[in-house]
C-alpha atoms as a PDB file:
ATOM      1  CA  MET A   1       0.000   0.000   0.000  1.00  0.00           C
ATOM      2  CA  ALA A   2       2.777   2.446   0.868  1.00  0.00           C
ATOM      3  CA  ARG A   3       4.792   1.344  -2.136  1.00  0.00           C
ATOM      4  CA  GLU A   4       2.075   2.638  -4.505  1.00  0.00           C
ATOM      5  CA  ALA A   5       2.626   6.254  -3.394  1.00  0.00           C
ATOM      6  CA  VAL A   6       6.374   6.068  -4.101  1.00  0.00           C
ATOM      7  CA  GLY A   7       6.059   7.801  -7.464  1.00  0.00           C
ATOM      8  CA  VAL A   8       4.451  10.832  -5.828  1.00  0.00           C
ATOM      9  CA  LYS A   9       7.173  11.408  -3.208  1.00  0.00           C
ATOM     10  CA  ARG A  10       9.998  13.737  -4.032  1.00  0.00           C
ATOM     11  CA  TYR A  11      12.687  12.071  -1.881  1.00  0.00           C
ATOM     12  CA  VAL A  12      12.430   8.281  -2.083  1.00  0.00           C
ATOM     13  CA  VAL A  13      14.738   6.207   0.124  1.00  0.00           C
ATOM     14  CA  ARG A  14      16.319   3.171  -1.551  1.00  0.00           C
ATOM     15  CA  LEU A  15      19.061   1.586   0.556  1.00  0.00           C
ATOM     16  CA  SER A  16      21.588  -0.962  -0.647  1.00  0.00           C
ATOM     17  CA  GLY A  17      22.138  -4.162   1.322  1.00  0.00           C
ATOM     18  CA  GLU A  18      25.388  -2.785   2.683  1.00  0.00           C
ATOM     19  CA  GLU A  19      23.732   0.438   3.878  1.00  0.00           C
ATOM     20  CA  ARG A  20      20.913  -1.531   5.564  1.00  0.00           C
ATOM     21  CA  ALA A  21      23.452  -3.782   7.312  1.00  0.00           C
ATOM     22  CA  HIS A  22      25.370  -0.716   8.537  1.00  0.00           C
ATOM     23  CA  LEU A  23      22.220   0.923   9.942  1.00  0.00           C
ATOM     24  CA  GLU A  24      21.067  -2.286  11.624  1.00  0.00           C
ATOM     25  CA  ALA A  25      24.508  -2.737  13.197  1.00  0.00           C
ATOM     26  CA  MET A  26      24.339   0.834  14.504  1.00  0.00           C
ATOM     27  CA  LEU A  27      20.988   0.152  16.140  1.00  0.00           C
ATOM     28  CA  ARG A  28      22.227  -3.103  17.704  1.00  0.00           C
ATOM     29  CA  LYS A  29      25.334  -1.480  19.183  1.00  0.00           C
ATOM     30  CA  GLY A  30      23.525   1.614  20.438  1.00  0.00           C
ATOM     31  CA  LYS A  31      26.788   3.524  20.861  1.00  0.00           C
ATOM     32  CA  TYR A  32      25.623   6.546  18.906  1.00  0.00           C
ATOM     33  CA  GLY A  33      23.739   9.698  19.788  1.00  0.00           C
ATOM     34  CA  ALA A  34      19.961   9.654  20.042  1.00  0.00           C
ATOM     35  CA  LYS A  35      19.464  11.763  16.903  1.00  0.00           C
ATOM     36  CA  THR A  36      21.750   9.528  14.880  1.00  0.00           C
ATOM     37  CA  LEU A  37      19.858   6.435  15.981  1.00  0.00           C
ATOM     38  CA  ILE A  38      16.500   8.020  15.126  1.00  0.00           C
ATOM     39  CA  LYS A  39      17.827   8.959  11.689  1.00  0.00           C
ATOM     40  CA  ALA A  40      18.940   5.354  11.185  1.00  0.00           C
ATOM     41  CA  GLN A  41      15.476   4.102  12.180  1.00  0.00           C
ATOM     42  CA  ILE A  42      13.797   6.582   9.830  1.00  0.00           C
ATOM     43  CA  LEU A  43      15.948   5.418   6.924  1.00  0.00           C
ATOM     44  CA  LEU A  44      15.235   1.753   7.621  1.00  0.00           C
ATOM     45  CA  LYS A  45      11.489   2.310   7.888  1.00  0.00           C
ATOM     46  CA  ALA A  46      11.338   4.586   4.826  1.00  0.00           C
ATOM     47  CA  ASP A  47      13.363   2.222   2.615  1.00  0.00           C
ATOM     48  CA  VAL A  48      11.310   1.109  -0.395  1.00  0.00           C
ATOM     49  CA  SER A  49      13.790  -1.491  -1.657  1.00  0.00           C
ATOM     50  CA  GLU A  50      12.959  -5.221  -1.525  1.00  0.00           C
ATOM     51  CA  ALA A  51      14.277  -5.611   2.057  1.00  0.00           C
ATOM     52  CA  GLY A  52      12.746  -2.367   3.339  1.00  0.00           C
ATOM     53  CA  GLU A  53       9.450  -1.685   5.066  1.00  0.00           C
ATOM     54  CA  GLY A  54       8.491   1.232   2.806  1.00  0.00           C
ATOM     55  CA  LEU A  55       6.344   2.941   5.447  1.00  0.00           C
ATOM     56  CA  SER A  56       4.669   6.262   4.798  1.00  0.00           C
ATOM     57  CA  ASP A  57       5.796   9.385   6.629  1.00  0.00           C
ATOM     58  CA  GLY A  58       2.718   9.287   8.847  1.00  0.00           C
ATOM     59  CA  GLU A  59       3.427   5.713   9.925  1.00  0.00           C
ATOM     60  CA  ILE A  60       7.081   6.527  10.628  1.00  0.00           C
ATOM     61  CA  ILE A  61       6.095   9.572  12.671  1.00  0.00           C
ATOM     62  CA  GLU A  62       3.626   7.515  14.678  1.00  0.00           C
ATOM     63  CA  GLN A  63       6.011   4.600  15.326  1.00  0.00           C
ATOM     64  CA  LEU A  64       9.100   6.660  16.183  1.00  0.00           C
ATOM     65  CA  GLU A  65       7.255   9.562  17.827  1.00  0.00           C
ATOM     66  CA  THR A  66       9.184  12.129  15.822  1.00  0.00           C
ATOM     67  CA  SER A  67       8.192  15.156  13.772  1.00  0.00           C
ATOM     68  CA  ALA A  68       7.225  15.331  10.117  1.00  0.00           C
ATOM     69  CA  SER A  69      10.025  17.807   9.445  1.00  0.00           C
ATOM     70  CA  MET A  70      12.603  15.383  10.863  1.00  0.00           C
ATOM     71  CA  VAL A  71      11.455  12.609   8.529  1.00  0.00           C
ATOM     72  CA  TYR A  72      11.424  15.008   5.572  1.00  0.00           C
ATOM     73  CA  ARG A  73      14.903  16.381   6.365  1.00  0.00           C
ATOM     74  CA  VAL A  74      16.397  12.877   6.686  1.00  0.00           C
ATOM     75  CA  ARG A  75      14.924  11.804   3.330  1.00  0.00           C
ATOM     76  CA  LYS A  76      16.075  15.014   1.652  1.00  0.00           C
ATOM     77  CA  GLN A  77      19.581  14.852   3.105  1.00  0.00           C
ATOM     78  CA  LEU A  78      20.009  11.243   1.989  1.00  0.00           C
ATOM     79  CA  ILE A  79      19.098  12.082  -1.601  1.00  0.00           C
ATOM     80  CA  GLU A  80      20.955  15.394  -1.854  1.00  0.00           C
ATOM     81  CA  GLU A  81      24.075  14.789   0.264  1.00  0.00           C
ATOM     82  CA  GLY A  82      24.444  11.020   0.509  1.00  0.00           C
ATOM     83  CA  PHE A  83      24.324   8.239   3.069  1.00  0.00           C
ATOM     84  CA  ALA A  84      27.358   9.351   5.121  1.00  0.00           C
ATOM     85  CA  ALA A  85      26.070  12.919   5.472  1.00  0.00           C
ATOM     86  CA  VAL A  86      22.866  11.760   7.180  1.00  0.00           C
ATOM     87  CA  LEU A  87      24.762   9.999   9.957  1.00  0.00           C
ATOM     88  CA  THR A  88      27.374  12.684  10.662  1.00  0.00           C
ATOM     89  CA  ARG A  89      27.018  16.179  12.044  1.00  0.00           C
ATOM     90  CA  LYS A  90      27.537  19.121   9.752  1.00  0.00           C
ATOM     91  CA  PRO A  91      30.573  21.296  10.502  1.00  0.00           C
ATOM     92  CA  HIS A  92      29.749  24.908  11.258  1.00  0.00           C
ATOM     93  CA  THR A  93      29.906  26.969   8.098  1.00  0.00           C
ATOM     94  CA  ARG A  94      30.465  30.299   9.804  1.00  0.00           C
ATOM     95  CA  PRO A  95      32.802  31.034  12.691  1.00  0.00           C
ATOM     96  CA  SER A  96      31.553  32.017  16.099  1.00  0.00           C
ATOM     97  CA  VAL A  97      31.140  35.664  17.045  1.00  0.00           C
ATOM     98  CA  PRO A  98      34.539  37.395  17.178  1.00  0.00           C
ATOM     99  CA  ARG A  99      35.695  38.666  20.547  1.00  0.00           C
ATOM    100  CA  ILE A 100      35.259  42.357  21.255  1.00  0.00           C
ATOM    101  CA  PHE A 101      38.154  42.563  23.696  1.00  0.00           C
ATOM    102  CA  ASP A 102      41.485  41.058  22.693  1.00  0.00           C
ATOM    103  CA  GLY A 103      44.533  41.078  24.970  1.00  0.00           C
ATOM    104  CA  GLU A 104      45.523  44.700  24.358  1.00  0.00           C
ATOM    105  CA  LYS A 105      41.980  46.035  24.729  1.00  0.00           C
ATOM    106  CA  GLU A 106      41.454  43.988  27.903  1.00  0.00           C
ATOM    107  CA  ALA A 107      44.644  45.477  29.365  1.00  0.00           C
ATOM    108  CA  ARG A 108      43.456  48.990  28.555  1.00  0.00           C
ATOM    109  CA  LEU A 109      40.057  48.250  30.143  1.00  0.00           C
ATOM    110  CA  ILE A 110      41.665  46.895  33.304  1.00  0.00           C
ATOM    111  CA  ALA A 111      43.993  49.902  33.505  1.00  0.00           C
ATOM    112  CA  LEU A 112      40.988  52.181  33.104  1.00  0.00           C
ATOM    113  CA  SER A 113      39.052  50.384  35.838  1.00  0.00           C
ATOM    114  CA  CYS A 114      42.046  50.725  38.197  1.00  0.00           C
ATOM    115  CA  SER A 115      42.371  54.467  37.520  1.00  0.00           C
ATOM    116  CA  THR A 116      40.551  57.151  39.468  1.00  0.00           C
ATOM    117  CA  PRO A 117      36.861  57.410  38.581  1.00  0.00           C
ATOM    118  CA  PRO A 118      35.377  60.516  36.954  1.00  0.00           C
ATOM    119  CA  LYS A 119      34.670  63.557  39.082  1.00  0.00           C
ATOM    120  CA  GLY A 120      31.524  63.115  41.125  1.00  0.00           C
ATOM    121  CA  TYR A 121      31.821  59.310  41.380  1.00  0.00           C
ATOM    122  CA  ALA A 122      33.341  57.268  44.190  1.00  0.00           C
ATOM    123  CA  ARG A 123      34.138  54.259  41.955  1.00  0.00           C
ATOM    124  CA  TRP A 124      33.833  52.993  38.421  1.00  0.00           C
ATOM    125  CA  THR A 125      30.550  51.341  37.519  1.00  0.00           C
ATOM    126  CA  LEU A 126      30.080  49.007  34.576  1.00  0.00           C
ATOM    127  CA  ARG A 127      27.943  51.609  32.816  1.00  0.00           C
ATOM    128  CA  LEU A 128      30.591  54.294  33.302  1.00  0.00           C
ATOM    129  CA  LEU A 129      33.249  51.948  31.953  1.00  0.00           C
ATOM    130  CA  GLU A 130      30.977  51.103  29.027  1.00  0.00           C
ATOM    131  CA  LYS A 131      30.701  54.766  28.041  1.00  0.00           C
ATOM    132  CA  LYS A 132      34.377  55.500  28.640  1.00  0.00           C
ATOM    133  CA  VAL A 133      35.774  52.633  26.507  1.00  0.00           C
ATOM    134  CA  VAL A 134      33.693  53.877  23.572  1.00  0.00           C
ATOM    135  CA  GLU A 135      34.688  57.494  24.256  1.00  0.00           C
ATOM    136  CA  LEU A 136      38.393  56.555  24.362  1.00  0.00           C
ATOM    137  CA  GLU A 137      37.887  54.448  21.198  1.00  0.00           C
ATOM    138  CA  ILE A 138      39.160  51.288  22.838  1.00  0.00           C
ATOM    139  CA  VAL A 139      36.238  49.472  21.191  1.00  0.00           C
ATOM    140  CA  GLU A 140      33.388  50.623  18.949  1.00  0.00           C
ATOM    141  CA  THR A 141      30.608  49.276  21.158  1.00  0.00           C
ATOM    142  CA  ALA A 142      30.434  47.147  24.282  1.00  0.00           C
ATOM    143  CA  SER A 143      27.712  46.307  26.744  1.00  0.00           C
ATOM    144  CA  ASP A 144      28.101  46.575  30.483  1.00  0.00           C
ATOM    145  CA  SER A 145      27.673  42.802  30.807  1.00  0.00           C
ATOM    146  CA  THR A 146      30.582  42.204  28.397  1.00  0.00           C
ATOM    147  CA  ILE A 147      32.764  44.554  30.411  1.00  0.00           C
ATOM    148  CA  GLY A 148      31.683  42.783  33.596  1.00  0.00           C
ATOM    149  CA  ARG A 149      32.700  39.390  32.150  1.00  0.00           C
ATOM    150  CA  VAL A 150      36.113  40.702  31.103  1.00  0.00           C
ATOM    151  CA  LEU A 151      36.765  42.226  34.506  1.00  0.00           C
ATOM    152  CA  LYS A 152      35.503  39.128  36.316  1.00  0.00           C
ATOM    153  CA  LYS A 153      37.836  36.963  34.249  1.00  0.00           C
ATOM    154  CA  HIS A 154      40.793  39.047  35.389  1.00  0.00           C
ATOM    155  CA  SER A 155      39.730  39.761  38.961  1.00  0.00           C
ATOM    156  CA  GLN A 156      42.300  38.690  41.493  1.00  0.00           C
ATOM    157  CA  THR A 157      42.061  38.536  45.232  1.00  0.00           C
ATOM    158  CA  PRO A 158      45.255  39.025  47.200  1.00  0.00           C
ATOM    159  CA  SER A 159      46.723  35.920  48.767  1.00  0.00           C
ATOM    160  CA  GLN A 160      46.475  35.406  52.522  1.00  0.00           C
ATOM    161  CA  ALA A 161      50.273  35.478  52.810  1.00  0.00           C
ATOM    162  CA  ALA A 162      50.418  38.948  51.249  1.00  0.00           C
ATOM    163  CA  VAL A 163      47.654  40.319  53.441  1.00  0.00           C
ATOM    164  CA  GLY A 164      48.647  38.754  56.741  1.00  0.00           C
ATOM    165  CA  ASP A 165      46.298  37.305  59.343  1.00  0.00           C
ATOM    166  CA  SER A 166      42.572  36.802  58.976  1.00  0.00           C
ATOM    167  CA  PRO A 167      40.327  39.851  58.531  1.00  0.00           C
ATOM    168  CA  ALA A 168      39.695  40.074  62.257  1.00  0.00           C
ATOM    169  CA  GLY A 169      43.430  40.469  62.784  1.00  0.00           C
ATOM    170  CA  ARG A 170      43.884  37.221  64.664  1.00  0.00           C
ATOM    171  CA  ARG A 171      44.292  33.584  63.769  1.00  0.00           C
ATOM    172  CA  GLN A 172      41.477  31.166  64.450  1.00  0.00           C
ATOM    173  CA  LEU A 173      42.432  28.322  66.746  1.00  0.00           C
ATOM    174  CA  ARG A 174      40.963  24.862  66.925  1.00  0.00           C
ATOM    175  CA  ARG A 175      40.835  22.367  69.747  1.00  0.00           C
ATOM    176  CA  GLY A 176      42.100  18.843  69.321  1.00  0.00           C
ATOM    177  CA  ASP A 177      38.581  17.571  68.542  1.00  0.00           C
ATOM    178  CA  GLY A 178      38.174  20.123  65.732  1.00  0.00           C
ATOM    179  CA  GLY A 179      35.940  22.547  67.665  1.00  0.00           C
ATOM    180  CA  ARG A 180      36.739  26.209  67.966  1.00  0.00           C
ATOM    181  CA  ALA A 181      38.881  27.327  70.839  1.00  0.00           C
ATOM    182  CA  ARG A 182      37.054  29.566  73.294  1.00  0.00           C
ATOM    183  CA  ARG A 183      38.206  33.030  74.160  1.00  0.00           C
ATOM    184  CA  LEU A 184      40.051  33.451  77.346  1.00  0.00           C
ATOM    185  CA  SER A 185      38.313  35.542  79.923  1.00  0.00           C
ATOM    186  CA  ALA A 186      39.825  38.868  80.952  1.00  0.00           C
ATOM    187  CA  SER A 187      40.711  37.435  84.398  1.00  0.00           C
ATOM    188  CA  ALA A 188      42.918  34.732  82.884  1.00  0.00           C
END
């Protein structure tokens, strides 16, 4: 019944014996990603060759609980790009977004944040830094969240050895059982 509508479909799946064996081996092993395994199942169920089931898209969608667009894309990719392309991920065609702050610009931003703030302000805020880096033409545009990420990446806290004792100015002592040592009374 499904084989009668084959002439109407634009992307008809016809797998060779070798391709079927490869897909069935993939499903038996199960060592692939979920999407890859679903694609393999779609191809096996959509195959109209002698060994294939030749199911319609609706039957495949119902059995595999997938979307119509997924079935269509798998069929189309098999016909247009080939068997190997269906089972592998596409490499990204465009690079990721370029960084706004490179090493030199980050250094200038950090130097700016360590300098004295503008008159009328006690400290630099992210919004002030945002305006100033554009004004000084360090970068063309930058958001306050980008500036915050750059500064957070380079934030450093001084080591305990450089600072000295704990913030209270005294070392914390522990008893032998791990509890805190009590303060001595003024009479002792």
